[in-house]
């Protein structure tokens, strides 16, 4: 997954206005306590970040 696809999925799940804000504020245990933005900046694979976000938001399986 590319970063652009990650952000497309974030916007689809949370809306374009809220996705970026949420990703900068929500620390996720599965990302070692980092926010999605911090994890991406640290080089974590966007697919792994998306899976952690997906679980944190309890999104439907079809959006995995």
C-alpha atoms as a PDB file:
ATOM      1  CA  UNK A   1       0.000   0.000   0.000  1.00  0.00           C
ATOM      2  CA  UNK A   2       1.232   3.478  -0.825  1.00  0.00           C
ATOM      3  CA  UNK A   3       0.878   6.491   1.406  1.00  0.00           C
ATOM      4  CA  UNK A   4      -1.667   7.955  -1.006  1.00  0.00           C
ATOM      5  CA  UNK A   5      -3.877   4.865  -0.696  1.00  0.00           C
ATOM      6  CA  UNK A   6      -3.576   5.018   3.089  1.00  0.00           C
ATOM      7  CA  UNK A   7      -4.835   8.609   3.074  1.00  0.00           C
ATOM      8  CA  UNK A   8      -7.637   7.765   0.644  1.00  0.00           C
ATOM      9  CA  UNK A   9      -8.814   5.060   3.027  1.00  0.00           C
ATOM     10  CA  UNK A  10      -8.525   7.396   6.001  1.00  0.00           C
ATOM     11  CA  UNK A  11     -10.655  10.005   4.239  1.00  0.00           C
ATOM     12  CA  UNK A  12     -13.203   7.386   3.220  1.00  0.00           C
ATOM     13  CA  UNK A  13     -13.469   6.190   6.827  1.00  0.00           C
ATOM     14  CA  UNK A  14     -13.406   9.531   8.638  1.00  0.00           C
ATOM     15  CA  UNK A  15     -14.079  12.204   6.055  1.00  0.00           C
ATOM     16  CA  UNK A  16     -11.566  14.529   4.473  1.00  0.00           C
ATOM     17  CA  UNK A  17     -11.813  17.176   7.197  1.00  0.00           C
ATOM     18  CA  UNK A  18     -11.310  14.810  10.145  1.00  0.00           C
ATOM     19  CA  UNK A  19      -8.910  12.141   8.826  1.00  0.00           C
ATOM     20  CA  UNK A  20      -5.735  14.198   9.080  1.00  0.00           C
ATOM     21  CA  UNK A  21      -6.593  15.566  12.507  1.00  0.00           C
ATOM     22  CA  UNK A  22      -7.425  12.117  13.890  1.00  0.00           C
ATOM     23  CA  UNK A  23      -4.224  10.637  12.453  1.00  0.00           C
ATOM     24  CA  UNK A  24      -2.150  13.322  14.171  1.00  0.00           C
ATOM     25  CA  UNK A  25      -3.812  12.968  17.585  1.00  0.00           C
ATOM     26  CA  UNK A  26      -4.665   9.298  18.191  1.00  0.00           C
ATOM     27  CA  UNK A  27      -1.893   7.215  19.684  1.00  0.00           C
ATOM     28  CA  UNK A  28      -2.417   3.539  18.888  1.00  0.00           C
ATOM     29  CA  UNK A  29      -0.981   0.751  21.015  1.00  0.00           C
ATOM     30  CA  UNK A  30      -0.428  -1.481  17.972  1.00  0.00           C
ATOM     31  CA  UNK A  31       1.866   1.239  16.599  1.00  0.00           C
ATOM     32  CA  UNK A  32       3.969   1.274  19.776  1.00  0.00           C
ATOM     33  CA  UNK A  33       1.968   4.172  21.147  1.00  0.00           C
ATOM     34  CA  UNK A  34       2.591   6.363  18.117  1.00  0.00           C
ATOM     35  CA  UNK A  35       0.011   8.213  16.105  1.00  0.00           C
ATOM     36  CA  UNK A  36      -0.533   7.049  12.523  1.00  0.00           C
ATOM     37  CA  UNK A  37       1.340  10.121  11.258  1.00  0.00           C
ATOM     38  CA  UNK A  38       4.284   9.450  13.579  1.00  0.00           C
ATOM     39  CA  UNK A  39       4.367   5.808  12.492  1.00  0.00           C
ATOM     40  CA  UNK A  40       4.362   6.730   8.808  1.00  0.00           C
ATOM     41  CA  UNK A  41       7.093   9.308   9.373  1.00  0.00           C
ATOM     42  CA  UNK A  42       9.147   6.646  11.189  1.00  0.00           C
ATOM     43  CA  UNK A  43       8.965   4.415   8.120  1.00  0.00           C
ATOM     44  CA  UNK A  44       6.309   1.958   9.262  1.00  0.00           C
ATOM     45  CA  UNK A  45       4.644   0.276   6.299  1.00  0.00           C
ATOM     46  CA  UNK A  46       1.375   2.082   5.450  1.00  0.00           C
ATOM     47  CA  UNK A  47      -0.430  -1.279   5.294  1.00  0.00           C
ATOM     48  CA  UNK A  48       0.544  -2.003   8.909  1.00  0.00           C
ATOM     49  CA  UNK A  49      -0.561   1.491   9.923  1.00  0.00           C
ATOM     50  CA  UNK A  50      -3.877   1.027   8.117  1.00  0.00           C
ATOM     51  CA  UNK A  51      -4.488  -2.310   9.861  1.00  0.00           C
ATOM     52  CA  UNK A  52      -3.882  -0.649  13.224  1.00  0.00           C
ATOM     53  CA  UNK A  53      -6.223   2.225  12.338  1.00  0.00           C
ATOM     54  CA  UNK A  54      -8.811  -0.235  11.036  1.00  0.00           C
ATOM     55  CA  UNK A  55      -8.750  -2.125  14.330  1.00  0.00           C
ATOM     56  CA  UNK A  56      -8.771   1.037  16.459  1.00  0.00           C
ATOM     57  CA  UNK A  57     -11.816   2.360  14.616  1.00  0.00           C
ATOM     58  CA  UNK A  58     -13.490  -1.070  14.556  1.00  0.00           C
ATOM     59  CA  UNK A  59     -14.240  -0.687  10.851  1.00  0.00           C
ATOM     60  CA  UNK A  60     -16.094  -3.374   8.883  1.00  0.00           C
ATOM     61  CA  UNK A  61     -13.971  -6.231   7.533  1.00  0.00           C
ATOM     62  CA  UNK A  62     -14.736  -5.220   3.938  1.00  0.00           C
ATOM     63  CA  UNK A  63     -12.708  -2.023   4.480  1.00  0.00           C
ATOM     64  CA  UNK A  64      -9.594  -3.909   5.495  1.00  0.00           C
END
